[in-house]
Amino acid sequence: MGKIELDHTGSGSGITLSSDGTSLLLDGTAIGGGGGAALYIANESSPANQPTAAGANAIGIGDTAQAAGADGVAIGLQSYARAQSALGLFGDAQNTESVSIGKNSAATADGAVQLGRNGYATATDA
């Protein structure tokens, strides 16, 4: 396979990046583990309050955040994306393509958008 050589102009030596067809090699030694790229690092505050991402391609970040719908995103403490393509940022997005942003807020109908704390969007496309 091919290789890339990087020369160092200061003190120290250059490095060689190459591949054996399966792994990335640094000076002939495999680096990284199998599987996908590590795009984040976790620093959980409590094992009991882990986020969940149960929907296909869903993302849950934050204590007790729950992304239950496909392509849903729940970010922040007690955030919920309960339906397909829902987005909850510190809020509760309960229906398809709903968005809820703000503490104690909820979007409870398809396409509803709620911005701000303690509010509710309860009608379709509200």
N, C-alpha and C. Protein backbone atom coordinates (compact mmCIF):
# COMPACT_ATOMS: atom_id res chain seq x y z
N MET A 1 0.84 -1.18 0.00
CA MET A 1 0.00 0.00 0.00
C MET A 1 0.88 1.25 0.00
N GLY A 2 0.28 2.39 -0.20
CA GLY A 2 1.03 3.63 -0.24
C GLY A 2 1.42 4.11 1.14
N LYS A 3 2.25 5.15 1.16
CA LYS A 3 2.66 5.70 2.44
C LYS A 3 2.89 7.19 2.28
N ILE A 4 2.85 7.88 3.42
CA ILE A 4 3.13 9.31 3.47
C ILE A 4 4.25 9.49 4.47
N GLU A 5 5.31 10.17 4.03
CA GLU A 5 6.42 10.43 4.92
C GLU A 5 6.41 11.90 5.28
N LEU A 6 6.48 12.20 6.59
CA LEU A 6 6.51 13.56 7.08
C LEU A 6 7.87 13.81 7.71
N ASP A 7 8.61 14.75 7.12
CA ASP A 7 9.93 15.09 7.67
C ASP A 7 9.76 16.18 8.71
N HIS A 8 10.56 16.11 9.75
CA HIS A 8 10.52 17.10 10.81
C HIS A 8 11.76 17.97 10.67
N THR A 9 11.59 19.29 10.63
CA THR A 9 12.73 20.18 10.40
C THR A 9 13.41 20.60 11.70
N GLY A 10 12.77 20.38 12.84
CA GLY A 10 13.39 20.70 14.13
C GLY A 10 14.10 19.49 14.69
N SER A 11 14.21 19.44 15.98
CA SER A 11 14.82 18.27 16.60
C SER A 11 13.84 17.11 16.55
N GLY A 12 14.33 15.90 16.46
CA GLY A 12 13.48 14.72 16.35
C GLY A 12 13.49 14.20 14.94
N SER A 13 12.79 13.10 14.75
CA SER A 13 12.80 12.47 13.43
C SER A 13 11.45 12.63 12.75
N GLY A 14 11.42 12.26 11.48
CA GLY A 14 10.18 12.28 10.73
C GLY A 14 9.33 11.07 11.06
N ILE A 15 8.12 11.03 10.51
CA ILE A 15 7.24 9.89 10.73
C ILE A 15 6.71 9.40 9.39
N THR A 16 6.29 8.16 9.38
CA THR A 16 5.71 7.57 8.18
C THR A 16 4.31 7.06 8.49
N LEU A 17 3.33 7.53 7.73
CA LEU A 17 1.96 7.03 7.81
C LEU A 17 1.74 6.10 6.63
N SER A 18 1.20 4.93 6.89
CA SER A 18 0.93 3.98 5.82
C SER A 18 -0.29 3.15 6.20
N SER A 19 -0.65 2.24 5.33
CA SER A 19 -1.79 1.36 5.59
C SER A 19 -1.45 -0.04 5.13
N ASP A 20 -1.94 -1.03 5.86
CA ASP A 20 -1.78 -2.41 5.42
C ASP A 20 -3.05 -2.92 4.74
N GLY A 21 -3.94 -2.01 4.42
CA GLY A 21 -5.21 -2.38 3.79
C GLY A 21 -6.34 -2.52 4.79
N THR A 22 -6.00 -2.60 6.07
CA THR A 22 -7.00 -2.73 7.12
C THR A 22 -6.85 -1.64 8.17
N SER A 23 -5.61 -1.37 8.57
CA SER A 23 -5.34 -0.43 9.65
C SER A 23 -4.45 0.70 9.18
N LEU A 24 -4.56 1.84 9.86
CA LEU A 24 -3.65 2.94 9.66
C LEU A 24 -2.41 2.65 10.48
N LEU A 25 -1.23 2.78 9.87
CA LEU A 25 0.03 2.48 10.54
C LEU A 25 0.83 3.75 10.75
N LEU A 26 1.39 3.91 11.93
CA LEU A 26 2.29 5.01 12.24
C LEU A 26 3.65 4.40 12.49
N ASP A 27 4.61 4.69 11.61
CA ASP A 27 5.93 4.09 11.66
C ASP A 27 5.85 2.57 11.77
N GLY A 28 4.91 1.97 11.02
CA GLY A 28 4.79 0.52 10.95
C GLY A 28 3.92 -0.12 12.02
N THR A 29 3.40 0.68 12.97
CA THR A 29 2.58 0.14 14.05
C THR A 29 1.14 0.61 13.87
N ALA A 30 0.17 -0.32 13.97
CA ALA A 30 -1.24 0.03 13.84
C ALA A 30 -1.65 1.01 14.92
N ILE A 31 -2.42 2.03 14.52
CA ILE A 31 -2.95 2.99 15.49
C ILE A 31 -4.46 2.98 15.43
N GLY A 32 -5.08 3.34 16.53
CA GLY A 32 -6.53 3.36 16.61
C GLY A 32 -7.08 1.97 16.78
N GLY A 33 -8.31 1.88 17.19
CA GLY A 33 -8.98 0.60 17.34
C GLY A 33 -9.95 0.40 16.21
N GLY A 34 -10.53 -0.74 16.13
CA GLY A 34 -11.52 -1.02 15.11
C GLY A 34 -12.77 -0.19 15.34
N GLY A 35 -13.76 -0.40 14.52
CA GLY A 35 -15.02 0.31 14.67
C GLY A 35 -14.95 1.70 14.10
N GLY A 36 -15.93 2.50 14.44
CA GLY A 36 -16.02 3.85 13.92
C GLY A 36 -15.09 4.80 14.64
N ALA A 37 -15.03 6.00 14.11
CA ALA A 37 -14.18 7.02 14.69
C ALA A 37 -14.75 7.49 16.02
N ALA A 38 -13.90 7.76 16.99
CA ALA A 38 -14.32 8.31 18.26
C ALA A 38 -14.47 9.82 18.08
N LEU A 39 -15.71 10.29 17.95
CA LEU A 39 -15.95 11.69 17.67
C LEU A 39 -16.29 12.50 18.92
N TYR A 40 -16.33 11.84 20.07
CA TYR A 40 -16.62 12.53 21.31
C TYR A 40 -15.97 11.79 22.46
N ILE A 41 -15.95 12.42 23.61
CA ILE A 41 -15.51 11.76 24.82
C ILE A 41 -16.60 11.98 25.86
N ALA A 42 -16.90 10.96 26.63
CA ALA A 42 -17.97 11.04 27.61
C ALA A 42 -17.41 11.39 28.98
N ASN A 43 -18.13 12.20 29.72
CA ASN A 43 -17.79 12.55 31.09
C ASN A 43 -19.10 12.58 31.88
N GLU A 44 -19.66 11.38 32.10
CA GLU A 44 -20.97 11.28 32.73
C GLU A 44 -20.91 11.71 34.18
N SER A 45 -22.00 12.34 34.65
CA SER A 45 -22.07 12.73 36.05
C SER A 45 -22.62 11.61 36.91
N SER A 46 -23.40 10.71 36.31
CA SER A 46 -23.99 9.63 37.08
C SER A 46 -24.34 8.47 36.16
N PRO A 47 -23.89 7.26 36.48
CA PRO A 47 -24.25 6.11 35.64
C PRO A 47 -25.75 5.85 35.60
N ALA A 48 -26.47 6.27 36.62
CA ALA A 48 -27.91 6.03 36.67
C ALA A 48 -28.69 6.94 35.73
N ASN A 49 -28.09 8.03 35.28
CA ASN A 49 -28.80 9.03 34.46
C ASN A 49 -28.29 9.07 33.03
N GLN A 50 -27.86 7.93 32.49
CA GLN A 50 -27.30 7.89 31.15
C GLN A 50 -28.32 8.31 30.10
N PRO A 51 -27.89 9.00 29.06
CA PRO A 51 -28.78 9.31 27.95
C PRO A 51 -29.09 8.04 27.16
N THR A 52 -30.19 8.07 26.41
CA THR A 52 -30.52 6.95 25.54
C THR A 52 -30.79 7.46 24.15
N ALA A 53 -30.49 6.62 23.17
CA ALA A 53 -30.76 6.90 21.77
C ALA A 53 -31.33 5.62 21.18
N ALA A 54 -32.62 5.42 21.34
CA ALA A 54 -33.27 4.18 20.94
C ALA A 54 -33.70 4.18 19.48
N GLY A 55 -33.95 5.34 18.91
CA GLY A 55 -34.37 5.41 17.51
C GLY A 55 -33.19 5.26 16.57
N ALA A 56 -33.47 4.77 15.36
CA ALA A 56 -32.41 4.64 14.35
C ALA A 56 -31.81 6.02 14.06
N ASN A 57 -30.50 6.10 14.06
CA ASN A 57 -29.75 7.34 13.80
C ASN A 57 -30.09 8.45 14.80
N ALA A 58 -30.51 8.09 16.00
CA ALA A 58 -30.86 9.06 17.03
C ALA A 58 -29.63 9.43 17.85
N ILE A 59 -29.69 10.60 18.49
CA ILE A 59 -28.60 11.08 19.33
C ILE A 59 -29.18 11.57 20.65
N GLY A 60 -28.65 11.10 21.76
CA GLY A 60 -29.03 11.56 23.08
C GLY A 60 -27.80 11.99 23.85
N ILE A 61 -27.80 13.24 24.31
CA ILE A 61 -26.65 13.78 25.04
C ILE A 61 -27.18 14.51 26.27
N GLY A 62 -26.71 14.13 27.45
CA GLY A 62 -27.10 14.81 28.68
C GLY A 62 -27.81 13.87 29.63
N ASP A 63 -27.80 14.21 30.93
CA ASP A 63 -28.45 13.39 31.94
C ASP A 63 -29.91 13.15 31.58
N THR A 64 -30.28 11.91 31.53
CA THR A 64 -31.63 11.40 31.24
C THR A 64 -32.20 11.86 29.90
N ALA A 65 -31.36 12.37 28.99
CA ALA A 65 -31.84 12.72 27.65
C ALA A 65 -32.28 11.45 26.94
N GLN A 66 -33.40 11.53 26.22
CA GLN A 66 -33.94 10.37 25.53
C GLN A 66 -34.32 10.72 24.10
N ALA A 67 -33.68 10.05 23.15
CA ALA A 67 -34.01 10.20 21.74
C ALA A 67 -34.64 8.89 21.30
N ALA A 68 -35.97 8.83 21.31
CA ALA A 68 -36.69 7.58 21.05
C ALA A 68 -37.08 7.42 19.59
N GLY A 69 -37.26 8.51 18.87
CA GLY A 69 -37.69 8.43 17.48
C GLY A 69 -36.53 8.37 16.52
N ALA A 70 -36.77 7.79 15.35
CA ALA A 70 -35.73 7.74 14.31
C ALA A 70 -35.29 9.15 13.95
N ASP A 71 -33.99 9.33 13.82
CA ASP A 71 -33.39 10.62 13.47
C ASP A 71 -33.68 11.71 14.50
N GLY A 72 -34.08 11.33 15.70
CA GLY A 72 -34.35 12.29 16.76
C GLY A 72 -33.08 12.72 17.46
N VAL A 73 -33.10 13.94 18.01
CA VAL A 73 -31.96 14.48 18.74
C VAL A 73 -32.47 15.08 20.05
N ALA A 74 -31.92 14.60 21.17
CA ALA A 74 -32.24 15.13 22.49
C ALA A 74 -30.94 15.55 23.14
N ILE A 75 -30.82 16.83 23.46
CA ILE A 75 -29.59 17.35 24.05
C ILE A 75 -29.93 18.16 25.29
N GLY A 76 -29.30 17.80 26.39
CA GLY A 76 -29.46 18.55 27.63
C GLY A 76 -30.20 17.76 28.68
N LEU A 77 -30.09 18.22 29.91
CA LEU A 77 -30.72 17.60 31.06
C LEU A 77 -32.22 17.43 30.83
N GLN A 78 -32.70 16.21 30.97
CA GLN A 78 -34.11 15.86 30.83
C GLN A 78 -34.72 16.37 29.52
N SER A 79 -34.00 16.13 28.43
CA SER A 79 -34.49 16.48 27.10
C SER A 79 -35.07 15.25 26.44
N TYR A 80 -36.07 15.45 25.58
CA TYR A 80 -36.73 14.32 24.94
C TYR A 80 -37.00 14.61 23.47
N ALA A 81 -36.72 13.62 22.64
CA ALA A 81 -37.11 13.62 21.23
C ALA A 81 -37.88 12.32 21.05
N ARG A 82 -39.18 12.38 21.23
CA ARG A 82 -40.00 11.18 21.34
C ARG A 82 -40.47 10.63 20.00
N ALA A 83 -40.37 11.39 18.93
CA ALA A 83 -40.91 10.96 17.64
C ALA A 83 -39.87 11.15 16.55
N GLN A 84 -40.21 10.69 15.35
CA GLN A 84 -39.30 10.78 14.22
C GLN A 84 -38.94 12.23 13.91
N SER A 85 -37.65 12.45 13.72
CA SER A 85 -37.10 13.76 13.34
C SER A 85 -37.44 14.86 14.33
N ALA A 86 -37.63 14.51 15.59
CA ALA A 86 -37.90 15.49 16.63
C ALA A 86 -36.60 16.01 17.21
N LEU A 87 -36.63 17.25 17.72
CA LEU A 87 -35.46 17.88 18.32
C LEU A 87 -35.85 18.46 19.67
N GLY A 88 -35.25 17.95 20.73
CA GLY A 88 -35.46 18.49 22.06
C GLY A 88 -34.16 19.01 22.62
N LEU A 89 -34.09 20.31 22.85
CA LEU A 89 -32.92 20.94 23.48
C LEU A 89 -33.38 21.48 24.82
N PHE A 90 -33.14 20.74 25.86
CA PHE A 90 -33.62 21.05 27.21
C PHE A 90 -35.14 21.08 27.25
N GLY A 91 -35.79 20.48 26.26
CA GLY A 91 -37.25 20.45 26.20
C GLY A 91 -37.76 19.09 25.79
N ASP A 92 -39.06 19.02 25.50
CA ASP A 92 -39.75 17.77 25.21
C ASP A 92 -40.44 17.87 23.85
N ALA A 93 -39.81 17.31 22.82
CA ALA A 93 -40.38 17.29 21.47
C ALA A 93 -41.11 15.96 21.31
N GLN A 94 -42.44 16.00 21.31
CA GLN A 94 -43.23 14.78 21.43
C GLN A 94 -43.74 14.21 20.11
N ASN A 95 -43.81 14.99 19.06
CA ASN A 95 -44.39 14.50 17.82
C ASN A 95 -43.43 14.66 16.64
N THR A 96 -43.80 14.07 15.51
CA THR A 96 -42.97 14.08 14.31
C THR A 96 -42.59 15.49 13.91
N GLU A 97 -41.30 15.68 13.68
CA GLU A 97 -40.71 16.94 13.23
C GLU A 97 -41.04 18.11 14.15
N SER A 98 -41.24 17.83 15.43
CA SER A 98 -41.47 18.91 16.39
C SER A 98 -40.13 19.34 16.99
N VAL A 99 -40.11 20.58 17.49
CA VAL A 99 -38.91 21.16 18.08
C VAL A 99 -39.29 21.82 19.39
N SER A 100 -38.56 21.49 20.44
CA SER A 100 -38.79 22.11 21.73
C SER A 100 -37.45 22.55 22.31
N ILE A 101 -37.33 23.85 22.52
CA ILE A 101 -36.09 24.41 23.05
C ILE A 101 -36.41 25.24 24.28
N GLY A 102 -35.90 24.84 25.42
CA GLY A 102 -36.09 25.58 26.64
C GLY A 102 -36.54 24.70 27.78
N LYS A 103 -36.08 25.00 28.96
CA LYS A 103 -36.41 24.21 30.15
C LYS A 103 -37.92 24.18 30.38
N ASN A 104 -38.42 23.00 30.65
CA ASN A 104 -39.85 22.78 30.92
C ASN A 104 -40.75 23.17 29.75
N SER A 105 -40.23 23.11 28.54
CA SER A 105 -41.04 23.43 27.37
C SER A 105 -41.43 22.14 26.66
N ALA A 106 -42.50 22.22 25.84
CA ALA A 106 -42.94 21.04 25.11
C ALA A 106 -43.57 21.44 23.78
N ALA A 107 -43.31 20.61 22.78
CA ALA A 107 -43.97 20.72 21.47
C ALA A 107 -44.73 19.42 21.32
N THR A 108 -46.06 19.48 21.38
CA THR A 108 -46.88 18.28 21.50
C THR A 108 -47.69 17.93 20.25
N ALA A 109 -47.37 18.55 19.12
CA ALA A 109 -48.09 18.23 17.88
C ALA A 109 -47.09 18.15 16.72
N ASP A 110 -47.47 17.48 15.64
CA ASP A 110 -46.59 17.36 14.47
C ASP A 110 -46.19 18.74 13.97
N GLY A 111 -44.91 18.94 13.76
CA GLY A 111 -44.40 20.19 13.20
C GLY A 111 -44.45 21.38 14.14
N ALA A 112 -44.83 21.19 15.39
CA ALA A 112 -44.89 22.29 16.34
C ALA A 112 -43.49 22.71 16.77
N VAL A 113 -43.34 24.02 17.02
CA VAL A 113 -42.06 24.56 17.47
C VAL A 113 -42.29 25.40 18.72
N GLN A 114 -41.57 25.09 19.78
CA GLN A 114 -41.65 25.85 21.03
C GLN A 114 -40.27 26.37 21.36
N LEU A 115 -40.16 27.69 21.52
CA LEU A 115 -38.90 28.31 21.90
C LEU A 115 -39.10 29.06 23.21
N GLY A 116 -38.26 28.80 24.15
CA GLY A 116 -38.34 29.50 25.43
C GLY A 116 -38.80 28.61 26.55
N ARG A 117 -38.48 28.99 27.73
CA ARG A 117 -38.73 28.20 28.92
C ARG A 117 -40.21 28.23 29.31
N ASN A 118 -40.67 27.10 29.83
CA ASN A 118 -42.02 26.94 30.39
C ASN A 118 -43.15 27.15 29.37
N GLY A 119 -42.90 26.96 28.09
CA GLY A 119 -43.95 27.17 27.09
C GLY A 119 -44.39 25.88 26.44
N TYR A 120 -45.52 25.95 25.74
CA TYR A 120 -46.08 24.79 25.05
C TYR A 120 -46.57 25.18 23.67
N ALA A 121 -46.23 24.34 22.68
CA ALA A 121 -46.79 24.49 21.33
C ALA A 121 -47.63 23.23 21.13
N THR A 122 -48.96 23.38 21.08
CA THR A 122 -49.85 22.22 21.14
C THR A 122 -50.63 21.97 19.85
N ALA A 123 -50.52 22.83 18.85
CA ALA A 123 -51.27 22.64 17.61
C ALA A 123 -50.30 22.27 16.47
N THR A 124 -50.79 21.51 15.50
CA THR A 124 -49.97 21.13 14.36
C THR A 124 -49.40 22.37 13.68
N ASP A 125 -48.12 22.33 13.42
CA ASP A 125 -47.38 23.41 12.76
C ASP A 125 -47.43 24.74 13.51
N ALA A 126 -47.70 24.70 14.81
CA ALA A 126 -47.77 25.94 15.61
C ALA A 126 -46.37 26.52 15.80
